[in-house]
Amino acid sequence: MILRNVTDEDLPIFFEHQRDPEALRMAAFPSRERDAFMTHWRTNVLRPENVTRAIVMDGVVVGNIGSWEQEAKRLVGYWIGREHWGKGIATRALSGFLLVEPARPLHAWVALHNLASIRVLEKCGFHALPDETPHHPGEVAEVLMRLGST
């Protein structure tokens, strides 16, 4: 597995990943239309202060992982194309990413029904903070997970 800088050629792949209905349900995150997606990535996600990587397996871009600042927390998130689920890619990508992103603590919001993602985060040392107010109150049951001290 390789974690490399994101190129403009990766964005159409990421766009298709975020259109998958099952992935959207698991992430509890809405899909964006193509133009909005491309604009969001180019103007928000790929900012210099963010750490964003393409996840590449055997020469194929299988997802992305990144970190950013939001509401005074350093957050991490990842998205793996559904055809690559169940292969340990998310755990390996997050483990590798934690070597690239030195900021601690790191946080991740996860939908409570997304047990696979919760397990990935736990395997990488994240712990649930059950008393945190949900990131999207009333929309979906979520838990904030943290790696490192406060």
Protein backbone atom coordinates (compact mmCIF):
# COMPACT_ATOMS: atom_id res chain seq x y z
CA MET A 1 0.00 0.00 0.00
CA ILE A 2 1.13 3.50 -0.81
CA LEU A 3 -0.18 6.75 0.63
CA ARG A 4 0.70 9.48 -1.85
CA ASN A 5 -0.25 13.07 -2.48
CA VAL A 6 -3.59 13.50 -4.21
CA THR A 7 -3.51 14.53 -7.87
CA ASP A 8 -6.28 16.08 -9.93
CA GLU A 9 -6.62 12.73 -11.74
CA ASP A 10 -7.67 11.10 -8.43
CA LEU A 11 -10.71 13.32 -7.96
CA PRO A 12 -13.02 11.54 -10.45
CA ILE A 13 -12.26 8.26 -8.65
CA PHE A 14 -13.06 9.81 -5.26
CA PHE A 15 -16.22 11.30 -6.77
CA GLU A 16 -17.42 7.87 -7.86
CA HIS A 17 -16.61 6.38 -4.44
CA GLN A 18 -18.78 8.99 -2.68
CA ARG A 19 -21.73 8.23 -4.98
CA ASP A 20 -22.09 4.61 -3.82
CA PRO A 21 -25.42 4.27 -1.91
CA GLU A 22 -24.12 1.70 0.59
CA ALA A 23 -21.01 3.75 1.32
CA LEU A 24 -23.18 6.83 1.86
CA ARG A 25 -25.38 4.90 4.28
CA MET A 26 -22.38 3.63 6.23
CA ALA A 27 -20.72 7.04 6.38
CA ALA A 28 -24.03 8.82 7.03
CA PHE A 29 -22.73 11.52 4.73
CA PRO A 30 -24.51 13.07 1.74
CA SER A 31 -23.17 12.74 -1.79
CA ARG A 32 -22.23 15.89 -3.68
CA GLU A 33 -22.96 16.62 -7.32
CA ARG A 34 -19.85 16.50 -9.53
CA ASP A 35 -19.14 20.25 -9.77
CA ALA A 36 -19.74 20.78 -6.05
CA PHE A 37 -17.53 17.78 -5.23
CA MET A 38 -14.65 19.00 -7.41
CA THR A 39 -14.90 22.54 -6.04
CA HIS A 40 -15.00 21.26 -2.44
CA TRP A 41 -11.90 19.13 -2.95
CA ARG A 42 -9.93 21.79 -4.81
CA THR A 43 -10.78 24.69 -2.46
CA ASN A 44 -11.24 22.99 0.94
CA VAL A 45 -9.78 19.49 1.14
CA LEU A 46 -6.52 20.14 -0.71
CA ARG A 47 -5.55 23.20 1.34
CA PRO A 48 -1.89 23.26 2.44
CA GLU A 49 -2.82 23.07 6.15
CA ASN A 50 -4.65 19.77 5.56
CA VAL A 51 -2.89 16.44 5.17
CA THR A 52 -4.57 14.50 2.36
CA ARG A 53 -3.42 11.29 0.71
CA ALA A 54 -4.62 8.92 -1.98
CA ILE A 55 -4.61 5.27 -0.92
CA VAL A 56 -3.05 3.13 -3.65
CA MET A 57 -3.00 -0.69 -3.75
CA ASP A 58 -1.23 -2.52 -6.57
CA GLY A 59 -1.23 0.65 -8.67
CA VAL A 60 -4.99 1.26 -8.18
CA VAL A 61 -6.41 4.24 -6.26
CA VAL A 62 -8.75 2.59 -3.74
CA GLY A 63 -9.61 5.55 -1.53
CA ASN A 64 -8.42 8.61 0.31
CA ILE A 65 -7.49 9.64 3.84
CA GLY A 66 -6.92 13.03 5.36
CA SER A 67 -6.92 15.32 8.34
CA TRP A 68 -8.16 18.86 8.84
CA GLU A 69 -9.00 21.38 11.55
CA GLN A 70 -12.67 21.80 12.46
CA GLU A 71 -14.29 23.29 15.54
CA ALA A 72 -10.92 23.44 17.37
CA LYS A 73 -10.25 19.73 16.77
CA ARG A 74 -7.89 17.99 14.37
CA LEU A 75 -10.11 15.48 12.57
CA VAL A 76 -9.23 12.48 10.45
CA GLY A 77 -11.41 10.79 7.87
CA TYR A 78 -11.08 8.23 5.13
CA TRP A 79 -13.14 6.80 2.32
CA ILE A 80 -12.48 3.43 0.71
CA GLY A 81 -14.23 2.40 -2.50
CA ARG A 82 -16.79 -0.29 -1.63
CA GLU A 83 -15.24 -2.83 -3.99
CA HIS A 84 -12.18 -2.73 -1.69
CA TRP A 85 -13.96 -3.18 1.66
CA GLY A 86 -13.15 -6.11 3.91
CA LYS A 87 -9.49 -6.36 2.86
CA GLY A 88 -7.90 -4.52 5.80
CA ILE A 89 -7.13 -1.50 3.63
CA ALA A 90 -8.67 1.09 5.96
CA THR A 91 -6.72 -0.20 8.97
CA ARG A 92 -3.43 -0.26 7.04
CA ALA A 93 -4.08 3.17 5.54
CA LEU A 94 -4.94 4.73 8.89
CA SER A 95 -1.91 3.10 10.57
CA GLY A 96 0.34 4.51 7.85
CA PHE A 97 -1.36 7.89 7.91
CA LEU A 98 -0.75 8.23 11.64
CA LEU A 99 2.98 8.24 10.84
CA VAL A 100 2.47 11.11 8.36
CA GLU A 101 0.10 13.18 10.55
CA PRO A 102 1.92 13.95 13.82
CA ALA A 103 -0.84 16.07 15.40
CA ARG A 104 -2.33 14.68 18.59
CA PRO A 105 -4.95 14.43 19.68
CA LEU A 106 -6.68 13.34 16.49
CA HIS A 107 -10.45 12.94 16.38
CA ALA A 108 -12.90 11.13 14.14
CA TRP A 109 -16.68 11.36 14.02
CA VAL A 110 -18.24 8.00 13.20
CA ALA A 111 -21.86 6.95 12.69
CA LEU A 112 -22.71 4.48 15.46
CA HIS A 113 -24.05 1.99 12.90
CA ASN A 114 -20.67 1.96 11.11
CA LEU A 115 -19.18 -0.81 13.23
CA ALA A 116 -16.45 -1.59 10.69
CA SER A 117 -15.09 1.96 10.86
CA ILE A 118 -15.30 2.00 14.65
CA ARG A 119 -13.23 -1.22 14.70
CA VAL A 120 -10.66 0.31 12.33
CA LEU A 121 -10.26 3.32 14.60
CA GLU A 122 -10.04 1.16 17.73
CA LYS A 123 -7.35 -1.04 16.14
CA CYS A 124 -5.34 2.13 15.53
CA GLY A 125 -5.64 3.29 19.15
CA PHE A 126 -8.69 5.57 19.05
CA HIS A 127 -11.13 5.51 21.97
CA ALA A 128 -14.76 6.62 22.05
CA LEU A 129 -15.72 9.81 23.85
CA PRO A 130 -19.39 8.98 24.47
CA ASP A 131 -20.18 12.22 26.29
CA GLU A 132 -19.38 14.45 23.31
CA THR A 133 -22.27 16.28 21.67
CA PRO A 134 -23.00 14.78 18.23
CA HIS A 135 -21.40 16.51 15.27
CA HIS A 136 -24.72 16.55 13.38
CA PRO A 137 -27.29 16.59 16.22
CA GLY A 138 -30.60 15.00 15.34
CA GLU A 139 -29.43 13.77 11.93
CA VAL A 140 -27.56 10.57 12.79
CA ALA A 141 -26.30 8.85 15.95
CA GLU A 142 -22.55 9.42 16.05
CA VAL A 143 -19.64 8.99 18.39
CA LEU A 144 -16.48 11.06 18.60
CA MET A 145 -13.31 8.98 18.81
CA ARG A 146 -9.93 10.28 19.91
CA LEU A 147 -6.32 9.24 19.60
CA GLY A 148 -3.93 10.83 22.09
CA SER A 149 -4.40 13.05 25.07
CA THR A 150 -6.47 16.21 25.26
